[in-house]
Amino acid sequence: MLSRLMNLLKACFRPRSDRFIHKNADTGGHQDGLLWYKDTGQHVNGEFSMAVVQANNLLEDQSQLESGCLSTHESGPYGTFVGVYDGHGGPETSRYVNDHLFQHLKRFTYEQQSMSVDVIRKAYQATEEGFLSLVARQWPMTPQLAAVGSCCLVGVVCGTNLYVANLGDSRAVLGRAIKETEEYLAIQLSAEHNACIESVRQELQLLHPDDSQIVVLKHNVWRVKGLIQISRSIGDVYLKKAEFNREPLYPKFRLREPFKKPILSADPSISVHKLLPHDKFAIFASDGLWEHLTNQEAVDIVQKHSRTVSLSLKSRALTYKNRCICNLSSVFGLFSCREVQGGS
């Protein structure tokens, strides 16, 4: 299991080093074909590991880890930001999120002089609005950009709080030490927005009571309007603005009937977790990892192989790749919280 898991994580993505972590930190990693991984690096709140498993030569996913000042002003606050952006339909949206979301967060943090749920929500909203504007400008030349989108999972450690925000079906999981047994408990921190989840289908049906086809079971997979599995994202403008769901967009993306309100949402689910001394690490990964591992399996691997977790996940990934499993691409990030907690 160890070797298979490590390969899965490594093959997910190749982060840009200048966006990967604070520029004064070590950003070196290892490349092995479509695998990229970094076993150990330093951030302001502890250590981190990252890995990327890529299913093919076109990489639609992005990730970043920023450590240091979380504001546009050096007065702070200080902390760590991690983002996992699982793109679909092309790489443009995930790249846009990678370039803009953290900058928006820093701006709103400065304006409010603190980190908060409201700051994160505004950063998501500004990123969505910026990409919508880009699609509108590019529509005459590149109309298919309207069908490109990205899941967006973010974690922010600031003080003793871990903020987790999510759009789509990526996932954040906390590893908590159980003192009595010396085992680690997996705690899911993020809410997911995938039509395969009954509560998500119910939410869509409540929001669109007059649309009997708002979710459709197609080839044994639940999809929103028969097109896409996720109900929330950045981008996917063709399902948010009716003026972009028409020619010259490809017919496969065009709906038969016009819609009056957005079908997909860009409003993230956000939670705040108070870090405690027994909260040891957090795993941030796209669905390519969680399709093959339970939360507890991932936490157990990190616990047992904390110094070589990326290598272990790489090995897991290659095993799956050799079995020709589709949708293998995955982004993985792990960071410890020991310095935040003051624990050992």
C-alpha atoms as a PDB file:
ATOM      1  CA  MET A   1       0.000   0.000   0.000  1.00  0.00           C
ATOM      2  CA  LEU A   2       2.818   2.416   0.854  1.00  0.00           C
ATOM      3  CA  SER A   3       4.491   2.275  -2.540  1.00  0.00           C
ATOM      4  CA  ARG A   4       1.229   2.539  -4.434  1.00  0.00           C
ATOM      5  CA  LEU A   5       0.065   5.587  -2.481  1.00  0.00           C
ATOM      6  CA  MET A   6       3.279   7.498  -2.969  1.00  0.00           C
ATOM      7  CA  ASN A   7       3.128   7.127  -6.719  1.00  0.00           C
ATOM      8  CA  LEU A   8      -0.416   8.438  -6.822  1.00  0.00           C
ATOM      9  CA  LEU A   9       0.492  11.689  -5.154  1.00  0.00           C
ATOM     10  CA  LYS A  10       3.611  12.356  -7.133  1.00  0.00           C
ATOM     11  CA  ALA A  11       2.033  12.167 -10.505  1.00  0.00           C
ATOM     12  CA  CYS A  12      -0.573  14.872  -9.919  1.00  0.00           C
ATOM     13  CA  PHE A  13       0.954  18.187 -10.852  1.00  0.00           C
ATOM     14  CA  ARG A  14       4.074  20.248 -11.386  1.00  0.00           C
ATOM     15  CA  PRO A  15       3.775  23.404  -9.299  1.00  0.00           C
ATOM     16  CA  ARG A  16       5.594  26.545 -10.339  1.00  0.00           C
ATOM     17  CA  SER A  17       8.437  27.082  -7.922  1.00  0.00           C
ATOM     18  CA  ASP A  18       7.961  30.844  -7.628  1.00  0.00           C
ATOM     19  CA  ARG A  19       4.371  30.308  -6.533  1.00  0.00           C
ATOM     20  CA  PHE A  20       4.978  27.094  -4.665  1.00  0.00           C
ATOM     21  CA  ILE A  21       6.256  28.563  -1.436  1.00  0.00           C
ATOM     22  CA  HIS A  22       7.715  31.727  -0.009  1.00  0.00           C
ATOM     23  CA  LYS A  23      10.618  32.754  -2.247  1.00  0.00           C
ATOM     24  CA  ASN A  24      13.139  32.653   0.576  1.00  0.00           C
ATOM     25  CA  ALA A  25      12.449  28.980   1.253  1.00  0.00           C
ATOM     26  CA  ASP A  26      13.821  25.877  -0.450  1.00  0.00           C
ATOM     27  CA  THR A  27      11.579  25.075  -3.430  1.00  0.00           C
ATOM     28  CA  GLY A  28      13.547  22.151  -4.928  1.00  0.00           C
ATOM     29  CA  GLY A  29      11.732  18.962  -5.851  1.00  0.00           C
ATOM     30  CA  HIS A  30      12.209  15.782  -7.847  1.00  0.00           C
ATOM     31  CA  GLN A  31      10.904  14.990 -11.326  1.00  0.00           C
ATOM     32  CA  ASP A  32      10.287  11.457 -12.586  1.00  0.00           C
ATOM     33  CA  GLY A  33       8.411  11.481 -15.889  1.00  0.00           C
ATOM     34  CA  LEU A  34       4.902  12.677 -15.138  1.00  0.00           C
ATOM     35  CA  LEU A  35       5.632  12.587 -11.415  1.00  0.00           C
ATOM     36  CA  TRP A  36       6.773  15.540  -9.324  1.00  0.00           C
ATOM     37  CA  TYR A  37       7.359  15.421  -5.594  1.00  0.00           C
ATOM     38  CA  LYS A  38       9.023  17.177  -2.689  1.00  0.00           C
ATOM     39  CA  ASP A  39       9.344  15.199   0.512  1.00  0.00           C
ATOM     40  CA  THR A  40      10.167  17.938   3.009  1.00  0.00           C
ATOM     41  CA  GLY A  41      10.166  21.727   3.011  1.00  0.00           C
ATOM     42  CA  GLN A  42       9.767  24.449   5.605  1.00  0.00           C
ATOM     43  CA  HIS A  43       6.927  26.899   6.069  1.00  0.00           C
ATOM     44  CA  VAL A  44       6.249  29.402   8.810  1.00  0.00           C
ATOM     45  CA  ASN A  45       4.040  26.941  10.706  1.00  0.00           C
ATOM     46  CA  GLY A  46       6.122  23.775  10.356  1.00  0.00           C
ATOM     47  CA  GLU A  47       7.011  21.415   7.520  1.00  0.00           C
ATOM     48  CA  PHE A  48       5.304  20.395   4.285  1.00  0.00           C
ATOM     49  CA  SER A  49       5.440  17.779   1.550  1.00  0.00           C
ATOM     50  CA  MET A  50       3.846  18.019  -1.888  1.00  0.00           C
ATOM     51  CA  ALA A  51       3.425  15.714  -4.861  1.00  0.00           C
ATOM     52  CA  VAL A  52       1.811  15.672  -8.274  1.00  0.00           C
ATOM     53  CA  VAL A  53       0.576  12.708 -10.290  1.00  0.00           C
ATOM     54  CA  GLN A  54      -0.165  13.541 -13.913  1.00  0.00           C
ATOM     55  CA  ALA A  55      -2.383  11.315 -16.064  1.00  0.00           C
ATOM     56  CA  ASN A  56      -1.199  12.793 -19.374  1.00  0.00           C
ATOM     57  CA  ASN A  57       1.033  15.470 -20.834  1.00  0.00           C
ATOM     58  CA  LEU A  58      -1.574  18.247 -20.562  1.00  0.00           C
ATOM     59  CA  LEU A  59      -1.625  19.300 -16.927  1.00  0.00           C
ATOM     60  CA  GLU A  60      -4.926  20.937 -15.972  1.00  0.00           C
ATOM     61  CA  ASP A  61      -4.173  21.187 -12.237  1.00  0.00           C
ATOM     62  CA  GLN A  62      -2.232  23.730 -10.205  1.00  0.00           C
ATOM     63  CA  SER A  63      -1.157  24.092  -6.590  1.00  0.00           C
ATOM     64  CA  GLN A  64       0.632  26.562  -4.394  1.00  0.00           C
ATOM     65  CA  LEU A  65       1.941  26.952  -0.897  1.00  0.00           C
ATOM     66  CA  GLU A  66       2.670  30.461   0.353  1.00  0.00           C
ATOM     67  CA  SER A  67       4.238  31.054   3.733  1.00  0.00           C
ATOM     68  CA  GLY A  68       4.847  34.362   5.444  1.00  0.00           C
ATOM     69  CA  CYS A  69       2.793  37.542   5.331  1.00  0.00           C
ATOM     70  CA  LEU A  70      -0.875  36.994   4.492  1.00  0.00           C
ATOM     71  CA  SER A  71      -1.463  40.693   3.829  1.00  0.00           C
ATOM     72  CA  THR A  72      -0.259  43.259   1.308  1.00  0.00           C
ATOM     73  CA  HIS A  73       1.335  45.089   4.248  1.00  0.00           C
ATOM     74  CA  GLU A  74       4.319  43.685   6.126  1.00  0.00           C
ATOM     75  CA  SER A  75       2.566  44.195   9.454  1.00  0.00           C
ATOM     76  CA  GLY A  76       0.815  40.864   8.868  1.00  0.00           C
ATOM     77  CA  PRO A  77      -0.874  38.711   9.930  1.00  0.00           C
ATOM     78  CA  TYR A  78       1.551  35.890   9.143  1.00  0.00           C
ATOM     79  CA  GLY A  79       0.765  32.279   8.390  1.00  0.00           C
ATOM     80  CA  THR A  80       0.567  29.641   5.677  1.00  0.00           C
ATOM     81  CA  PHE A  81      -1.671  29.378   2.606  1.00  0.00           C
ATOM     82  CA  VAL A  82      -2.090  26.141   0.622  1.00  0.00           C
ATOM     83  CA  GLY A  83      -4.187  25.824  -2.531  1.00  0.00           C
ATOM     84  CA  VAL A  84      -5.150  22.831  -4.671  1.00  0.00           C
ATOM     85  CA  TYR A  85      -6.817  23.731  -7.977  1.00  0.00           C
ATOM     86  CA  ASP A  86      -8.161  20.750  -9.919  1.00  0.00           C
ATOM     87  CA  GLY A  87      -8.935  21.990 -13.415  1.00  0.00           C
ATOM     88  CA  HIS A  88     -11.247  20.492 -16.027  1.00  0.00           C
ATOM     89  CA  GLY A  89     -11.866  21.293 -19.671  1.00  0.00           C
ATOM     90  CA  GLY A  90      -8.408  22.870 -19.905  1.00  0.00           C
ATOM     91  CA  PRO A  91      -5.719  24.467 -17.723  1.00  0.00           C
ATOM     92  CA  GLU A  92      -6.783  28.113 -18.022  1.00  0.00           C
ATOM     93  CA  THR A  93      -9.000  28.394 -14.937  1.00  0.00           C
ATOM     94  CA  SER A  94      -6.675  26.612 -12.524  1.00  0.00           C
ATOM     95  CA  ARG A  95      -3.788  28.770 -13.756  1.00  0.00           C
ATOM     96  CA  TYR A  96      -5.890  31.893 -13.293  1.00  0.00           C
ATOM     97  CA  VAL A  97      -6.799  30.862  -9.739  1.00  0.00           C
ATOM     98  CA  ASN A  98      -3.148  30.114  -9.012  1.00  0.00           C
ATOM     99  CA  ASP A  99      -2.178  33.610 -10.136  1.00  0.00           C
ATOM    100  CA  HIS A 100      -4.961  35.623  -8.499  1.00  0.00           C
ATOM    101  CA  LEU A 101      -6.660  34.009  -5.500  1.00  0.00           C
ATOM    102  CA  PHE A 102      -3.848  34.471  -2.984  1.00  0.00           C
ATOM    103  CA  GLN A 103      -3.283  38.052  -4.123  1.00  0.00           C
ATOM    104  CA  HIS A 104      -6.972  38.840  -3.550  1.00  0.00           C
ATOM    105  CA  LEU A 105      -6.792  37.218  -0.127  1.00  0.00           C
ATOM    106  CA  LYS A 106      -3.830  39.392   0.836  1.00  0.00           C
ATOM    107  CA  ARG A 107      -5.667  42.514  -0.303  1.00  0.00           C
ATOM    108  CA  PHE A 108      -8.811  41.767   1.682  1.00  0.00           C
ATOM    109  CA  THR A 109      -6.774  40.733   4.731  1.00  0.00           C
ATOM    110  CA  TYR A 110      -5.105  44.148   4.658  1.00  0.00           C
ATOM    111  CA  GLU A 111      -8.446  45.924   4.286  1.00  0.00           C
ATOM    112  CA  GLN A 112      -9.954  44.107   7.270  1.00  0.00           C
ATOM    113  CA  GLN A 113      -6.684  43.965   9.249  1.00  0.00           C
ATOM    114  CA  SER A 114      -7.237  40.281  10.058  1.00  0.00           C
ATOM    115  CA  MET A 115      -7.877  36.852   8.584  1.00  0.00           C
ATOM    116  CA  SER A 116     -11.498  35.733   8.587  1.00  0.00           C
ATOM    117  CA  VAL A 117     -14.138  33.674   6.804  1.00  0.00           C
ATOM    118  CA  ASP A 118     -15.327  36.892   5.172  1.00  0.00           C
ATOM    119  CA  VAL A 119     -11.841  37.621   3.791  1.00  0.00           C
ATOM    120  CA  ILE A 120     -11.628  34.176   2.212  1.00  0.00           C
ATOM    121  CA  ARG A 121     -15.133  34.378   0.759  1.00  0.00           C
ATOM    122  CA  LYS A 122     -14.375  37.780  -0.786  1.00  0.00           C
ATOM    123  CA  ALA A 123     -11.134  36.434  -2.283  1.00  0.00           C
ATOM    124  CA  TYR A 124     -13.048  33.594  -3.950  1.00  0.00           C
ATOM    125  CA  GLN A 125     -15.690  36.025  -5.225  1.00  0.00           C
ATOM    126  CA  ALA A 126     -13.085  38.391  -6.670  1.00  0.00           C
ATOM    127  CA  THR A 127     -11.313  35.487  -8.391  1.00  0.00           C
ATOM    128  CA  GLU A 128     -14.573  34.250  -9.901  1.00  0.00           C
ATOM    129  CA  GLU A 129     -15.518  37.731 -11.097  1.00  0.00           C
ATOM    130  CA  GLY A 130     -12.083  38.214 -12.618  1.00  0.00           C
ATOM    131  CA  PHE A 131     -12.303  34.990 -14.575  1.00  0.00           C
ATOM    132  CA  LEU A 132     -15.823  35.838 -15.739  1.00  0.00           C
ATOM    133  CA  SER A 133     -14.464  39.123 -17.086  1.00  0.00           C
ATOM    134  CA  LEU A 134     -11.679  37.249 -18.868  1.00  0.00           C
ATOM    135  CA  VAL A 135     -14.183  34.902 -20.514  1.00  0.00           C
ATOM    136  CA  ALA A 136     -16.280  37.875 -21.656  1.00  0.00           C
ATOM    137  CA  ARG A 137     -13.243  39.587 -23.214  1.00  0.00           C
ATOM    138  CA  GLN A 138     -12.065  36.383 -24.902  1.00  0.00           C
ATOM    139  CA  TRP A 139     -15.503  35.232 -26.108  1.00  0.00           C
ATOM    140  CA  PRO A 140     -15.126  36.498 -29.710  1.00  0.00           C
ATOM    141  CA  MET A 141     -11.728  34.792 -30.120  1.00  0.00           C
ATOM    142  CA  THR A 142     -11.852  31.843 -27.676  1.00  0.00           C
ATOM    143  CA  PRO A 143     -15.469  30.967 -26.870  1.00  0.00           C
ATOM    144  CA  GLN A 144     -14.549  27.514 -25.536  1.00  0.00           C
ATOM    145  CA  LEU A 145     -12.924  29.205 -22.535  1.00  0.00           C
ATOM    146  CA  ALA A 146     -16.470  29.448 -21.160  1.00  0.00           C
ATOM    147  CA  ALA A 147     -16.448  25.644 -20.679  1.00  0.00           C
ATOM    148  CA  VAL A 148     -13.220  25.571 -18.646  1.00  0.00           C
ATOM    149  CA  GLY A 149     -13.366  25.463 -14.853  1.00  0.00           C
ATOM    150  CA  SER A 150     -11.603  24.404 -11.696  1.00  0.00           C
ATOM    151  CA  CYS A 151     -12.291  22.999  -8.260  1.00  0.00           C
ATOM    152  CA  CYS A 152     -10.690  25.168  -5.604  1.00  0.00           C
ATOM    153  CA  LEU A 153      -9.536  23.875  -2.196  1.00  0.00           C
ATOM    154  CA  VAL A 154      -7.733  26.287   0.125  1.00  0.00           C
ATOM    155  CA  GLY A 155      -6.300  26.033   3.609  1.00  0.00           C
ATOM    156  CA  VAL A 156      -5.040  28.985   5.667  1.00  0.00           C
ATOM    157  CA  VAL A 157      -3.222  28.613   8.972  1.00  0.00           C
ATOM    158  CA  CYS A 158      -3.291  31.914  10.856  1.00  0.00           C
ATOM    159  CA  GLY A 159      -2.607  32.023  14.566  1.00  0.00           C
ATOM    160  CA  THR A 160      -4.177  28.915  16.040  1.00  0.00           C
ATOM    161  CA  ASN A 161      -6.918  28.703  13.391  1.00  0.00           C
ATOM    162  CA  LEU A 162      -6.995  26.513  10.301  1.00  0.00           C
ATOM    163  CA  TYR A 163      -9.463  27.879   7.730  1.00  0.00           C
ATOM    164  CA  VAL A 164     -10.581  25.461   5.005  1.00  0.00           C
ATOM    165  CA  ALA A 165     -12.542  26.615   1.947  1.00  0.00           C
ATOM    166  CA  ASN A 166     -13.710  24.431  -0.903  1.00  0.00           C
ATOM    167  CA  LEU A 167     -15.466  24.416  -4.256  1.00  0.00           C
ATOM    168  CA  GLY A 168     -15.872  21.029  -5.933  1.00  0.00           C
ATOM    169  CA  ASP A 169     -14.697  17.591  -4.875  1.00  0.00           C
ATOM    170  CA  SER A 170     -11.163  18.047  -3.569  1.00  0.00           C
ATOM    171  CA  ARG A 171     -10.742  17.301   0.129  1.00  0.00           C
ATOM    172  CA  ALA A 172      -8.845  18.344   3.257  1.00  0.00           C
ATOM    173  CA  VAL A 173      -8.262  15.821   6.048  1.00  0.00           C
ATOM    174  CA  LEU A 174      -6.709  16.420   9.463  1.00  0.00           C
ATOM    175  CA  GLY A 175      -4.488  13.903  11.233  1.00  0.00           C
ATOM    176  CA  ARG A 176      -5.148  13.977  14.996  1.00  0.00           C
ATOM    177  CA  ALA A 177      -3.022  11.993  17.451  1.00  0.00           C
ATOM    178  CA  ILE A 178      -4.867   9.847  19.989  1.00  0.00           C
ATOM    179  CA  LYS A 179      -2.652   9.863  23.075  1.00  0.00           C
ATOM    180  CA  GLU A 180      -4.119   6.749  24.675  1.00  0.00           C
ATOM    181  CA  THR A 181      -3.571   4.485  21.657  1.00  0.00           C
ATOM    182  CA  GLU A 182      -0.731   6.299  19.813  1.00  0.00           C
ATOM    183  CA  GLU A 183      -2.884   6.057  16.676  1.00  0.00           C
ATOM    184  CA  TYR A 184      -3.981   8.886  14.424  1.00  0.00           C
ATOM    185  CA  LEU A 185      -7.597   9.752  13.725  1.00  0.00           C
ATOM    186  CA  ALA A 186      -8.650  11.113  10.303  1.00  0.00           C
ATOM    187  CA  ILE A 187     -11.003  14.095  10.473  1.00  0.00           C
ATOM    188  CA  GLN A 188     -12.442  15.493   7.235  1.00  0.00           C
ATOM    189  CA  LEU A 189     -12.390  19.293   7.270  1.00  0.00           C
ATOM    190  CA  SER A 190     -13.954  20.143   3.913  1.00  0.00           C
ATOM    191  CA  ALA A 191     -17.427  19.824   2.432  1.00  0.00           C
ATOM    192  CA  GLU A 192     -17.624  18.462  -1.129  1.00  0.00           C
ATOM    193  CA  HIS A 193     -19.886  19.491  -3.989  1.00  0.00           C
ATOM    194  CA  ASN A 194     -20.314  16.481  -6.237  1.00  0.00           C
ATOM    195  CA  ALA A 195     -23.641  15.299  -7.629  1.00  0.00           C
ATOM    196  CA  CYS A 196     -22.865  11.748  -6.528  1.00  0.00           C
ATOM    197  CA  ILE A 197     -23.629  12.953  -2.977  1.00  0.00           C
ATOM    198  CA  GLU A 198     -27.347  12.802  -2.226  1.00  0.00           C
ATOM    199  CA  SER A 199     -27.371  16.039  -0.198  1.00  0.00           C
ATOM    200  CA  VAL A 200     -25.818  17.882  -3.158  1.00  0.00           C
ATOM    201  CA  ARG A 201     -28.523  16.574  -5.498  1.00  0.00           C
ATOM    202  CA  GLN A 202     -31.169  17.642  -2.995  1.00  0.00           C
ATOM    203  CA  GLU A 203     -29.636  21.107  -2.773  1.00  0.00           C
ATOM    204  CA  LEU A 204     -29.705  21.474  -6.554  1.00  0.00           C
ATOM    205  CA  GLN A 205     -33.314  20.292  -6.732  1.00  0.00           C
ATOM    206  CA  LEU A 206     -34.335  22.812  -4.072  1.00  0.00           C
ATOM    207  CA  LEU A 207     -32.565  25.609  -5.933  1.00  0.00           C
ATOM    208  CA  HIS A 208     -34.122  24.577  -9.274  1.00  0.00           C
ATOM    209  CA  PRO A 209     -37.567  23.169  -8.412  1.00  0.00           C
ATOM    210  CA  ASP A 210     -38.906  23.681 -11.944  1.00  0.00           C
ATOM    211  CA  ASP A 211     -36.090  21.764 -13.639  1.00  0.00           C
ATOM    212  CA  SER A 212     -36.625  18.000 -13.549  1.00  0.00           C
ATOM    213  CA  GLN A 213     -33.314  17.529 -15.387  1.00  0.00           C
ATOM    214  CA  ILE A 214     -31.123  19.543 -13.017  1.00  0.00           C
ATOM    215  CA  VAL A 215     -29.340  16.305 -12.099  1.00  0.00           C
ATOM    216  CA  VAL A 216     -29.243  13.347 -14.472  1.00  0.00           C
ATOM    217  CA  LEU A 217     -27.922   9.812 -14.005  1.00  0.00           C
ATOM    218  CA  LYS A 218     -25.762   9.319 -17.088  1.00  0.00           C
ATOM    219  CA  HIS A 219     -23.670   6.156 -17.577  1.00  0.00           C
ATOM    220  CA  ASN A 220     -24.234   5.376 -13.869  1.00  0.00           C
ATOM    221  CA  VAL A 221     -22.789   8.757 -12.837  1.00  0.00           C
ATOM    222  CA  TRP A 222     -24.857  11.638 -11.472  1.00  0.00           C
ATOM    223  CA  ARG A 223     -24.174  14.845 -13.401  1.00  0.00           C
ATOM    224  CA  VAL A 224     -25.518  18.388 -13.198  1.00  0.00           C
ATOM    225  CA  LYS A 225     -27.592  18.886 -16.374  1.00  0.00           C
ATOM    226  CA  GLY A 226     -26.002  15.659 -17.593  1.00  0.00           C
ATOM    227  CA  LEU A 227     -22.731  17.534 -18.160  1.00  0.00           C
ATOM    228  CA  ILE A 228     -20.603  17.917 -15.046  1.00  0.00           C
ATOM    229  CA  GLN A 229     -20.283  16.141 -11.706  1.00  0.00           C
ATOM    230  CA  ILE A 230     -19.488  19.120  -9.487  1.00  0.00           C
ATOM    231  CA  SER A 231     -22.038  21.729  -8.439  1.00  0.00           C
ATOM    232  CA  ARG A 232     -19.613  24.478  -7.392  1.00  0.00           C
ATOM    233  CA  SER A 233     -16.469  25.756  -9.100  1.00  0.00           C
ATOM    234  CA  ILE A 234     -14.479  28.694 -10.356  1.00  0.00           C
ATOM    235  CA  GLY A 235     -15.216  29.213 -14.053  1.00  0.00           C
ATOM    236  CA  ASP A 236     -17.596  26.913 -15.984  1.00  0.00           C
ATOM    237  CA  VAL A 237     -19.220  30.134 -17.128  1.00  0.00           C
ATOM    238  CA  TYR A 238     -21.387  28.295 -19.668  1.00  0.00           C
ATOM    239  CA  LEU A 239     -23.463  27.020 -16.716  1.00  0.00           C
ATOM    240  CA  LYS A 240     -23.540  30.331 -14.868  1.00  0.00           C
ATOM    241  CA  LYS A 241     -24.288  32.933 -17.532  1.00  0.00           C
ATOM    242  CA  ALA A 242     -26.842  32.102 -20.239  1.00  0.00           C
ATOM    243  CA  GLU A 243     -25.209  34.502 -22.717  1.00  0.00           C
ATOM    244  CA  PHE A 244     -22.215  32.132 -22.874  1.00  0.00           C
ATOM    245  CA  ASN A 245     -24.308  29.001 -23.468  1.00  0.00           C
ATOM    246  CA  ARG A 246     -24.843  29.481 -27.204  1.00  0.00           C
ATOM    247  CA  GLU A 247     -22.997  29.336 -30.496  1.00  0.00           C
ATOM    248  CA  PRO A 248     -20.090  29.246 -31.164  1.00  0.00           C
ATOM    249  CA  LEU A 249     -19.710  27.141 -27.992  1.00  0.00           C
ATOM    250  CA  TYR A 250     -19.415  23.463 -28.886  1.00  0.00           C
ATOM    251  CA  PRO A 251     -22.847  21.782 -29.143  1.00  0.00           C
ATOM    252  CA  LYS A 252     -22.019  19.273 -26.391  1.00  0.00           C
ATOM    253  CA  PHE A 253     -21.961  22.129 -23.862  1.00  0.00           C
ATOM    254  CA  ARG A 254     -25.097  23.912 -25.039  1.00  0.00           C
ATOM    255  CA  LEU A 255     -28.367  23.353 -23.203  1.00  0.00           C
ATOM    256  CA  ARG A 256     -31.628  22.927 -25.108  1.00  0.00           C
ATOM    257  CA  GLU A 257     -33.474  25.408 -22.936  1.00  0.00           C
ATOM    258  CA  PRO A 258     -32.082  28.781 -21.753  1.00  0.00           C
ATOM    259  CA  PHE A 259     -31.652  29.220 -18.005  1.00  0.00           C
ATOM    260  CA  LYS A 260     -32.558  32.284 -15.970  1.00  0.00           C
ATOM    261  CA  LYS A 261     -30.280  31.815 -12.958  1.00  0.00           C
ATOM    262  CA  PRO A 262     -26.824  30.236 -12.502  1.00  0.00           C
ATOM    263  CA  ILE A 263     -26.825  26.443 -12.444  1.00  0.00           C
ATOM    264  CA  LEU A 264     -23.405  26.163 -10.788  1.00  0.00           C
ATOM    265  CA  SER A 265     -22.201  28.257  -7.848  1.00  0.00           C
ATOM    266  CA  ALA A 266     -18.877  29.798  -6.862  1.00  0.00           C
ATOM    267  CA  ASP A 267     -19.815  30.218  -3.188  1.00  0.00           C
ATOM    268  CA  PRO A 268     -17.308  28.150  -1.173  1.00  0.00           C
ATOM    269  CA  SER A 269     -18.036  26.040   1.869  1.00  0.00           C
ATOM    270  CA  ILE A 270     -15.777  27.415   4.624  1.00  0.00           C
ATOM    271  CA  SER A 271     -14.976  25.957   8.035  1.00  0.00           C
ATOM    272  CA  VAL A 272     -12.709  27.112  10.855  1.00  0.00           C
ATOM    273  CA  HIS A 273     -10.821  24.582  12.947  1.00  0.00           C
ATOM    274  CA  LYS A 274      -9.112  25.561  16.196  1.00  0.00           C
ATOM    275  CA  LEU A 275      -5.743  23.821  16.149  1.00  0.00           C
ATOM    276  CA  LEU A 276      -4.892  21.817  19.244  1.00  0.00           C
ATOM    277  CA  PRO A 277      -1.591  20.210  20.314  1.00  0.00           C
ATOM    278  CA  HIS A 278      -2.749  16.777  19.119  1.00  0.00           C
ATOM    279  CA  ASP A 279      -3.618  18.054  15.615  1.00  0.00           C
ATOM    280  CA  LYS A 280      -0.417  17.035  13.842  1.00  0.00           C
ATOM    281  CA  PHE A 281      -0.889  17.522  10.099  1.00  0.00           C
ATOM    282  CA  ALA A 282      -3.375  18.230   7.320  1.00  0.00           C
ATOM    283  CA  ILE A 283      -3.663  16.612   3.891  1.00  0.00           C
ATOM    284  CA  PHE A 284      -5.006  18.616   0.934  1.00  0.00           C
ATOM    285  CA  ALA A 285      -5.663  16.651  -2.249  1.00  0.00           C
ATOM    286  CA  SER A 286      -7.829  16.530  -5.335  1.00  0.00           C
ATOM    287  CA  ASP A 287     -10.246  13.691  -5.989  1.00  0.00           C
ATOM    288  CA  GLY A 288      -7.587  11.686  -7.844  1.00  0.00           C
ATOM    289  CA  LEU A 289      -6.229  10.672  -4.432  1.00  0.00           C
ATOM    290  CA  TRP A 290      -9.498  10.143  -2.598  1.00  0.00           C
ATOM    291  CA  GLU A 291     -10.880   7.890  -5.327  1.00  0.00           C
ATOM    292  CA  HIS A 292      -8.300   5.308  -4.242  1.00  0.00           C
ATOM    293  CA  LEU A 293      -7.789   5.998  -0.543  1.00  0.00           C
ATOM    294  CA  THR A 294     -10.065   6.496   2.418  1.00  0.00           C
ATOM    295  CA  ASN A 295      -9.356   9.385   4.762  1.00  0.00           C
ATOM    296  CA  GLN A 296      -8.005   6.993   7.372  1.00  0.00           C
ATOM    297  CA  GLU A 297      -5.747   5.157   4.918  1.00  0.00           C
ATOM    298  CA  ALA A 298      -4.134   8.436   3.857  1.00  0.00           C
ATOM    299  CA  VAL A 299      -3.628   9.570   7.461  1.00  0.00           C
ATOM    300  CA  ASP A 300      -2.135   6.194   8.418  1.00  0.00           C
ATOM    301  CA  ILE A 301       0.404   6.422   5.583  1.00  0.00           C
ATOM    302  CA  VAL A 302       1.439   9.930   6.611  1.00  0.00           C
ATOM    303  CA  GLN A 303       1.763   8.863  10.248  1.00  0.00           C
ATOM    304  CA  LYS A 304       3.961   5.866   9.443  1.00  0.00           C
ATOM    305  CA  HIS A 305       6.068   7.496   6.729  1.00  0.00           C
ATOM    306  CA  SER A 306       6.091  11.192   7.569  1.00  0.00           C
ATOM    307  CA  ARG A 307       9.629  11.785   6.263  1.00  0.00           C
ATOM    308  CA  THR A 308       9.047  10.074   2.904  1.00  0.00           C
ATOM    309  CA  VAL A 309       5.316  10.471   2.420  1.00  0.00           C
ATOM    310  CA  SER A 310       5.590  11.910  -1.097  1.00  0.00           C
ATOM    311  CA  LEU A 311       7.736   8.994  -2.242  1.00  0.00           C
ATOM    312  CA  SER A 312       5.274   6.532  -0.746  1.00  0.00           C
ATOM    313  CA  LEU A 313       2.341   8.202  -2.468  1.00  0.00           C
ATOM    314  CA  LYS A 314       4.251   8.249  -5.752  1.00  0.00           C
ATOM    315  CA  SER A 315       4.626   4.492  -5.658  1.00  0.00           C
ATOM    316  CA  ARG A 316       0.908   4.071  -5.027  1.00  0.00           C
ATOM    317  CA  ALA A 317       0.125   6.280  -8.011  1.00  0.00           C
ATOM    318  CA  LEU A 318       2.289   4.382 -10.463  1.00  0.00           C
ATOM    319  CA  THR A 319       0.539   1.175  -9.525  1.00  0.00           C
ATOM    320  CA  TYR A 320      -2.817   2.708 -10.406  1.00  0.00           C
ATOM    321  CA  LYS A 321      -1.416   4.219 -13.590  1.00  0.00           C
ATOM    322  CA  ASN A 322      -0.159   0.818 -14.728  1.00  0.00           C
ATOM    323  CA  ARG A 323      -3.709  -0.473 -14.273  1.00  0.00           C
ATOM    324  CA  CYS A 324      -4.889   2.171 -16.785  1.00  0.00           C
ATOM    325  CA  ILE A 325      -7.258   3.846 -14.351  1.00  0.00           C
ATOM    326  CA  CYS A 326      -8.682   7.030 -15.840  1.00  0.00           C
ATOM    327  CA  ASN A 327      -8.691  10.420 -14.131  1.00  0.00           C
ATOM    328  CA  LEU A 328      -5.492   9.600 -12.276  1.00  0.00           C
ATOM    329  CA  SER A 329      -4.221  13.153 -12.018  1.00  0.00           C
ATOM    330  CA  SER A 330      -4.062  14.295  -8.416  1.00  0.00           C
ATOM    331  CA  VAL A 331      -2.603  17.126  -6.422  1.00  0.00           C
ATOM    332  CA  PHE A 332      -1.378  16.479  -2.916  1.00  0.00           C
ATOM    333  CA  GLY A 333      -0.207  18.776  -0.157  1.00  0.00           C
ATOM    334  CA  LEU A 334       0.699  17.957   3.423  1.00  0.00           C
ATOM    335  CA  PHE A 335       1.785  20.301   6.146  1.00  0.00           C
ATOM    336  CA  SER A 336       2.442  19.862   9.840  1.00  0.00           C
ATOM    337  CA  CYS A 337       1.008  22.229  12.420  1.00  0.00           C
ATOM    338  CA  ARG A 338       3.468  21.618  15.217  1.00  0.00           C
ATOM    339  CA  GLU A 339       4.898  25.112  15.465  1.00  0.00           C
ATOM    340  CA  VAL A 340       1.439  26.665  15.442  1.00  0.00           C
ATOM    341  CA  GLN A 341       0.409  24.496  18.342  1.00  0.00           C
ATOM    342  CA  GLY A 342       3.629  24.648  20.261  1.00  0.00           C
ATOM    343  CA  GLY A 343       3.523  20.845  20.398  1.00  0.00           C
ATOM    344  CA  SER A 344       6.364  18.423  19.891  1.00  0.00           C
END
